[in-house]
């Protein structure tokens, strides 16, 4: 289950791309079909790099506590790497 949870965007993107391949194949591979597939792959890759979470810049508890809040409300999101 960890594999699917950790790689869900990549798996879903591959599924969407394969559905596009099947749909284009059903239509008899229209002329610009390779451009459509390349464009879809580029959009999905850009979305992956744009929306992936960044790693924490610090791992020391004191540094993290100093950054939290500072008089402002904060939404904390914890992610497990296990």
N, C-alpha and C. Protein backbone atom coordinates (compact mmCIF):
# COMPACT_ATOMS: atom_id res chain seq x y z
N UNK A 1 0.82 -1.19 0.00
CA UNK A 1 0.00 0.00 0.00
C UNK A 1 0.87 1.26 0.00
N UNK A 2 2.03 1.19 0.66
CA UNK A 2 2.92 2.34 0.72
C UNK A 2 3.34 2.78 -0.68
N UNK A 3 3.64 1.80 -1.54
CA UNK A 3 4.08 2.13 -2.89
C UNK A 3 3.04 2.96 -3.63
N UNK A 4 1.77 2.56 -3.55
CA UNK A 4 0.71 3.29 -4.24
C UNK A 4 0.46 4.66 -3.61
N UNK A 5 0.55 4.74 -2.29
CA UNK A 5 0.35 6.01 -1.61
C UNK A 5 1.47 6.98 -1.95
N UNK A 6 2.68 6.50 -1.97
CA UNK A 6 3.84 7.35 -2.21
C UNK A 6 3.94 7.80 -3.68
N UNK A 7 3.50 6.96 -4.59
CA UNK A 7 3.62 7.24 -6.03
C UNK A 7 2.28 7.45 -6.71
N UNK A 8 1.27 7.90 -5.98
CA UNK A 8 -0.08 7.99 -6.53
C UNK A 8 -0.17 8.95 -7.72
N UNK A 9 0.52 10.07 -7.68
CA UNK A 9 0.43 11.02 -8.80
C UNK A 9 1.05 10.43 -10.06
N UNK A 10 2.17 9.77 -9.92
CA UNK A 10 2.83 9.17 -11.07
C UNK A 10 1.96 8.06 -11.66
N UNK A 11 1.38 7.22 -10.81
CA UNK A 11 0.52 6.14 -11.28
C UNK A 11 -0.72 6.70 -11.97
N UNK A 12 -1.35 7.70 -11.38
CA UNK A 12 -2.53 8.31 -11.99
C UNK A 12 -2.18 8.99 -13.31
N UNK A 13 -1.05 9.65 -13.38
CA UNK A 13 -0.62 10.29 -14.63
C UNK A 13 -0.39 9.27 -15.72
N UNK A 14 0.25 8.17 -15.37
CA UNK A 14 0.47 7.10 -16.35
C UNK A 14 -0.86 6.53 -16.84
N UNK A 15 -1.80 6.35 -15.93
CA UNK A 15 -3.13 5.86 -16.30
C UNK A 15 -3.83 6.83 -17.26
N UNK A 16 -3.78 8.12 -16.96
CA UNK A 16 -4.40 9.13 -17.83
C UNK A 16 -3.75 9.11 -19.21
N UNK A 17 -2.43 8.99 -19.25
CA UNK A 17 -1.71 8.96 -20.52
C UNK A 17 -2.09 7.72 -21.33
N UNK A 18 -2.21 6.58 -20.66
CA UNK A 18 -2.60 5.35 -21.35
C UNK A 18 -4.04 5.43 -21.87
N UNK A 19 -4.93 6.06 -21.13
CA UNK A 19 -6.30 6.28 -21.60
C UNK A 19 -6.28 7.15 -22.86
N UNK A 20 -5.42 8.15 -22.88
CA UNK A 20 -5.30 9.00 -24.08
C UNK A 20 -4.77 8.19 -25.26
N UNK A 21 -3.83 7.29 -25.02
CA UNK A 21 -3.31 6.44 -26.10
C UNK A 21 -4.43 5.57 -26.66
N UNK A 22 -5.21 4.96 -25.79
CA UNK A 22 -6.31 4.10 -26.24
C UNK A 22 -7.34 4.92 -27.00
N UNK A 23 -7.67 6.11 -26.51
CA UNK A 23 -8.65 6.96 -27.19
C UNK A 23 -8.16 7.37 -28.57
N UNK A 24 -6.90 7.72 -28.69
CA UNK A 24 -6.35 8.10 -30.00
C UNK A 24 -6.27 6.89 -30.93
N UNK A 25 -5.99 5.74 -30.37
CA UNK A 25 -5.93 4.53 -31.19
C UNK A 25 -7.31 4.17 -31.72
N UNK A 26 -8.34 4.40 -30.92
CA UNK A 26 -9.72 4.13 -31.36
C UNK A 26 -10.11 5.02 -32.53
N UNK A 27 -9.53 6.19 -32.59
CA UNK A 27 -9.84 7.14 -33.68
C UNK A 27 -8.94 6.92 -34.90
N UNK A 28 -8.09 5.92 -34.86
CA UNK A 28 -7.25 5.62 -36.01
C UNK A 28 -5.97 6.44 -36.06
N UNK A 29 -5.47 6.87 -34.93
CA UNK A 29 -4.24 7.66 -34.83
C UNK A 29 -4.26 8.86 -35.78
N UNK A 30 -5.05 9.88 -35.44
CA UNK A 30 -5.04 11.08 -36.28
C UNK A 30 -3.62 11.66 -36.40
N UNK A 31 -3.40 12.46 -37.40
CA UNK A 31 -2.06 12.95 -37.75
C UNK A 31 -1.27 13.53 -36.57
N UNK A 32 -1.81 14.48 -35.80
CA UNK A 32 -0.98 15.06 -34.73
C UNK A 32 -1.03 14.28 -33.42
N UNK A 33 -1.30 12.98 -33.46
CA UNK A 33 -1.48 12.22 -32.22
C UNK A 33 -0.21 12.18 -31.37
N UNK A 34 0.96 12.11 -32.00
CA UNK A 34 2.19 12.10 -31.21
C UNK A 34 2.38 13.43 -30.50
N UNK A 35 1.92 14.52 -31.12
CA UNK A 35 2.03 15.83 -30.47
C UNK A 35 1.08 15.92 -29.28
N UNK A 36 -0.10 15.34 -29.41
CA UNK A 36 -1.06 15.33 -28.31
C UNK A 36 -0.50 14.55 -27.13
N UNK A 37 0.07 13.38 -27.40
CA UNK A 37 0.64 12.56 -26.33
C UNK A 37 1.85 13.23 -25.69
N UNK A 38 2.69 13.85 -26.50
CA UNK A 38 3.85 14.56 -25.96
C UNK A 38 3.42 15.76 -25.13
N UNK A 39 2.41 16.48 -25.60
CA UNK A 39 1.89 17.63 -24.84
C UNK A 39 1.29 17.21 -23.52
N UNK A 40 0.52 16.11 -23.54
CA UNK A 40 -0.07 15.60 -22.31
C UNK A 40 1.02 15.16 -21.33
N UNK A 41 2.04 14.49 -21.84
CA UNK A 41 3.15 14.07 -20.98
C UNK A 41 3.87 15.29 -20.39
N UNK A 42 4.05 16.34 -21.18
CA UNK A 42 4.71 17.55 -20.69
C UNK A 42 3.87 18.23 -19.61
N UNK A 43 2.56 18.30 -19.81
CA UNK A 43 1.68 18.93 -18.82
C UNK A 43 1.70 18.13 -17.52
N UNK A 44 1.63 16.81 -17.61
CA UNK A 44 1.65 15.98 -16.41
C UNK A 44 2.99 16.08 -15.68
N UNK A 45 4.09 16.12 -16.43
CA UNK A 45 5.41 16.27 -15.81
C UNK A 45 5.54 17.63 -15.13
N UNK A 46 5.06 18.68 -15.79
CA UNK A 46 5.12 20.02 -15.20
C UNK A 46 4.28 20.08 -13.93
N UNK A 47 3.10 19.45 -13.95
CA UNK A 47 2.25 19.43 -12.76
C UNK A 47 2.94 18.69 -11.62
N UNK A 48 3.63 17.61 -11.94
CA UNK A 48 4.34 16.86 -10.90
C UNK A 48 5.40 17.73 -10.23
N UNK A 49 6.21 18.41 -11.02
CA UNK A 49 7.28 19.22 -10.45
C UNK A 49 6.75 20.49 -9.78
N UNK A 50 5.60 20.98 -10.21
CA UNK A 50 5.02 22.18 -9.62
C UNK A 50 4.35 21.89 -8.28
N UNK A 51 3.67 20.75 -8.18
CA UNK A 51 2.85 20.47 -6.99
C UNK A 51 3.47 19.51 -5.99
N UNK A 52 4.65 18.96 -6.25
CA UNK A 52 5.22 18.03 -5.30
C UNK A 52 5.66 18.77 -4.04
N UNK A 53 5.54 18.13 -2.88
CA UNK A 53 5.93 18.81 -1.65
C UNK A 53 7.45 18.90 -1.53
N UNK A 54 7.89 19.99 -0.97
CA UNK A 54 9.33 20.20 -0.77
C UNK A 54 9.76 19.57 0.54
N UNK A 55 10.98 19.16 0.60
CA UNK A 55 11.53 18.61 1.84
C UNK A 55 11.75 19.73 2.84
N UNK A 56 11.74 19.37 4.09
CA UNK A 56 11.98 20.36 5.14
C UNK A 56 13.41 20.89 5.02
N UNK A 57 13.56 22.19 5.28
CA UNK A 57 14.90 22.79 5.18
C UNK A 57 15.71 22.54 6.45
N UNK A 58 15.03 22.31 7.56
CA UNK A 58 15.75 22.05 8.80
C UNK A 58 15.12 20.86 9.51
N UNK A 59 15.94 20.16 10.25
CA UNK A 59 15.45 18.99 10.99
C UNK A 59 15.60 19.16 12.50
N UNK A 60 16.21 20.23 12.92
CA UNK A 60 16.39 20.48 14.35
C UNK A 60 15.09 21.03 14.94
N UNK A 61 14.68 20.48 16.08
CA UNK A 61 13.42 20.87 16.71
C UNK A 61 13.42 22.35 17.11
N UNK A 62 14.53 22.86 17.60
CA UNK A 62 14.60 24.26 18.03
C UNK A 62 14.39 25.21 16.85
N UNK A 63 14.97 24.90 15.71
CA UNK A 63 14.79 25.74 14.52
C UNK A 63 13.34 25.74 14.05
N UNK A 64 12.74 24.58 14.07
CA UNK A 64 11.35 24.47 13.62
C UNK A 64 10.42 25.22 14.56
N UNK A 65 10.63 25.08 15.87
CA UNK A 65 9.80 25.80 16.84
C UNK A 65 9.94 27.32 16.68
N UNK A 66 11.14 27.78 16.35
CA UNK A 66 11.37 29.22 16.16
C UNK A 66 10.63 29.75 14.94
N UNK A 67 10.47 28.92 13.91
CA UNK A 67 9.81 29.35 12.69
C UNK A 67 8.29 29.29 12.78
N UNK A 68 7.76 28.43 13.66
CA UNK A 68 6.31 28.25 13.74
C UNK A 68 5.67 29.45 14.41
N UNK A 69 4.66 29.97 13.75
CA UNK A 69 3.84 31.02 14.33
C UNK A 69 4.42 32.40 14.22
N UNK A 70 5.27 32.76 15.11
CA UNK A 70 5.80 34.11 15.21
C UNK A 70 4.67 35.13 15.24
N UNK A 71 3.63 34.82 16.06
CA UNK A 71 2.50 35.73 16.22
C UNK A 71 1.41 35.56 15.18
N UNK A 72 1.56 34.65 14.24
CA UNK A 72 0.57 34.44 13.18
C UNK A 72 0.01 33.02 13.30
N UNK A 73 -1.27 32.84 12.94
CA UNK A 73 -1.81 31.48 12.91
C UNK A 73 -1.09 30.64 11.85
N UNK A 74 -0.89 29.38 12.16
CA UNK A 74 -0.14 28.50 11.26
C UNK A 74 -0.88 27.18 11.09
N UNK A 75 -0.92 26.70 9.86
CA UNK A 75 -1.44 25.37 9.57
C UNK A 75 -0.24 24.45 9.41
N UNK A 76 -0.15 23.44 10.26
CA UNK A 76 0.95 22.50 10.19
C UNK A 76 0.49 21.23 9.49
N UNK A 77 1.33 20.74 8.60
CA UNK A 77 1.05 19.49 7.91
C UNK A 77 2.24 18.57 8.12
N UNK A 78 1.99 17.43 8.72
CA UNK A 78 3.06 16.47 8.97
C UNK A 78 2.93 15.33 7.98
N UNK A 79 4.06 14.95 7.40
CA UNK A 79 4.08 13.84 6.44
C UNK A 79 5.08 12.81 6.91
N UNK A 80 4.68 11.57 6.79
CA UNK A 80 5.56 10.47 7.17
C UNK A 80 6.31 9.98 5.94
N UNK A 81 7.56 9.70 6.09
CA UNK A 81 8.36 9.16 4.99
C UNK A 81 8.46 7.64 5.09
N UNK A 82 7.75 7.04 6.01
CA UNK A 82 7.80 5.58 6.17
C UNK A 82 6.77 4.92 5.32
